Amino acid sequence: MIKYDAPLLEYDISDVGVMVLCKPCERYLRLLNGGDSVKTNDRNMTELLTEREKKSMETIISYMYDNDSIDNETGRSLTGKSAATVKRYLRRLCEVGFLVSSGATKDTVYTKMTE
């Protein structure tokens, strides 16, 4: 799930009703003005990850800058983490648009998203 840093709703309650003001987040404004592409590129992909996620996945992310694809086994050897943890990392990188998966179950291969 992708989270956006949208401002809180502002509302005004009066005798005639309720008025709600919903302001857009910064990313929406950049998209609206053509500043970012709809697909996530490497730079804004990291904006969608928490600092903790970036730190946990930095080995995989660095590996993908120099390589075309990665699988769970390679991810395990790079990180020293379990298959389940590496699978979670790779899925999260797919969620933010950095990777795309192909294949099924144990044969899943993850490649860098191209625009």
Protein backbone atom coordinates (compact mmCIF):
# COMPACT_ATOMS: atom_id res chain seq x y z
CA MET A 1 0.00 0.00 0.00
CA ILE A 2 1.37 3.40 -0.95
CA LYS A 3 0.92 6.14 1.64
CA TYR A 4 0.83 9.84 0.84
CA ASP A 5 1.63 12.65 3.20
CA ALA A 6 -1.60 14.60 2.73
CA PRO A 7 -2.47 17.46 5.09
CA LEU A 8 -5.24 16.90 7.60
CA LEU A 9 -8.76 17.85 6.66
CA GLU A 10 -9.95 21.29 7.70
CA TYR A 11 -13.60 21.76 8.52
CA ASP A 12 -15.97 24.51 9.57
CA ILE A 13 -19.24 23.77 11.31
CA SER A 14 -21.88 26.48 11.23
CA ASP A 15 -25.66 26.90 11.47
CA VAL A 16 -26.04 26.22 7.74
CA GLY A 17 -23.92 23.08 7.55
CA VAL A 18 -20.44 21.67 7.46
CA MET A 19 -17.71 22.74 5.05
CA VAL A 20 -14.74 20.40 4.58
CA LEU A 21 -11.48 21.45 2.90
CA CYS A 22 -9.20 18.67 1.72
CA LYS A 23 -5.79 19.95 0.59
CA PRO A 24 -3.66 17.83 -1.78
CA CYS A 25 -0.34 16.30 -0.82
CA GLU A 26 2.92 17.55 -2.36
CA ARG A 27 3.26 14.51 -4.64
CA TYR A 28 -0.17 15.12 -6.14
CA LEU A 29 0.73 18.75 -6.84
CA ARG A 30 3.98 17.68 -8.56
CA LEU A 31 2.07 15.15 -10.68
CA LEU A 32 -0.55 17.75 -11.52
CA ASN A 33 2.15 20.15 -12.70
CA GLY A 34 4.02 17.48 -14.67
CA GLY A 35 6.91 17.33 -12.20
CA ASP A 36 6.90 13.55 -11.70
CA SER A 37 5.88 10.79 -14.01
CA VAL A 38 2.98 8.57 -13.05
CA LYS A 39 5.39 5.65 -12.85
CA THR A 40 7.76 5.84 -9.94
CA ASN A 41 11.39 6.47 -10.81
CA ASP A 42 14.39 5.59 -8.64
CA ARG A 43 14.54 8.98 -6.94
CA ASN A 44 10.94 9.27 -5.80
CA MET A 45 10.73 5.53 -5.10
CA THR A 46 12.85 6.13 -2.03
CA GLU A 47 10.38 8.81 -0.88
CA LEU A 48 7.77 6.06 -0.58
CA LEU A 49 9.94 3.94 1.72
CA THR A 50 10.44 4.65 5.41
CA GLU A 51 13.98 5.23 6.65
CA ARG A 52 13.87 1.82 8.31
CA GLU A 53 12.82 0.16 5.04
CA LYS A 54 15.58 1.94 3.12
CA LYS A 55 18.18 0.74 5.61
CA SER A 56 16.87 -2.84 5.54
CA MET A 57 16.73 -2.99 1.75
CA GLU A 58 19.82 -0.94 0.86
CA THR A 59 21.82 -4.02 -0.19
CA ILE A 60 19.09 -5.14 -2.60
CA ILE A 61 18.57 -1.62 -3.95
CA SER A 62 22.31 -1.16 -4.53
CA TYR A 63 22.52 -4.56 -6.23
CA MET A 64 19.71 -3.59 -8.62
CA TYR A 65 21.57 -0.49 -9.83
CA ASP A 66 24.22 -2.80 -11.30
CA ASN A 67 22.10 -5.81 -12.27
CA ASP A 68 19.01 -6.47 -14.37
CA SER A 69 17.22 -8.92 -12.08
CA ILE A 70 17.17 -10.56 -8.68
CA ASP A 71 15.50 -13.62 -7.20
CA ASN A 72 14.88 -14.69 -3.63
CA GLU A 73 18.02 -16.84 -3.44
CA THR A 74 20.25 -13.97 -4.55
CA GLY A 75 18.50 -11.66 -2.09
CA ARG A 76 19.14 -14.12 0.73
CA SER A 77 22.83 -14.38 -0.09
CA LEU A 78 23.14 -10.57 -0.28
CA THR A 79 21.31 -9.79 2.95
CA GLY A 80 21.76 -12.88 5.07
CA LYS A 81 18.03 -12.77 5.80
CA SER A 82 15.45 -15.56 5.61
CA ALA A 83 13.51 -16.39 2.45
CA ALA A 84 10.34 -14.92 3.98
CA THR A 85 12.06 -11.64 4.87
CA VAL A 86 13.64 -11.28 1.43
CA LYS A 87 10.27 -12.05 -0.19
CA ARG A 88 8.70 -9.29 1.92
CA TYR A 89 11.45 -6.84 0.87
CA LEU A 90 11.05 -7.69 -2.82
CA ARG A 91 7.26 -7.39 -2.65
CA ARG A 92 7.57 -3.99 -0.95
CA LEU A 93 9.93 -2.80 -3.68
CA CYS A 94 7.28 -3.91 -6.20
CA GLU A 95 4.59 -1.97 -4.30
CA VAL A 96 6.53 1.29 -4.59
CA GLY A 97 7.28 0.71 -8.27
CA PHE A 98 11.02 0.01 -8.08
CA LEU A 99 10.73 -3.64 -9.13
CA VAL A 100 8.28 -5.72 -11.14
CA SER A 101 7.84 -9.45 -10.56
CA SER A 102 7.43 -12.19 -13.11
CA GLY A 103 7.11 -15.93 -12.75
CA ALA A 104 5.39 -17.91 -10.06
CA THR A 105 6.21 -19.19 -6.59
CA LYS A 106 9.84 -20.29 -6.28
CA ASP A 107 10.66 -19.17 -9.84
CA THR A 108 9.71 -15.52 -9.30
CA VAL A 109 12.24 -13.09 -10.76
CA TYR A 110 12.21 -9.39 -9.97
CA THR A 111 13.42 -6.85 -12.52
CA LYS A 112 13.88 -3.12 -12.26
CA MET A 113 10.83 -1.14 -13.36
CA THR A 114 11.37 0.71 -16.61
CA GLU A 115 9.40 3.76 -17.64
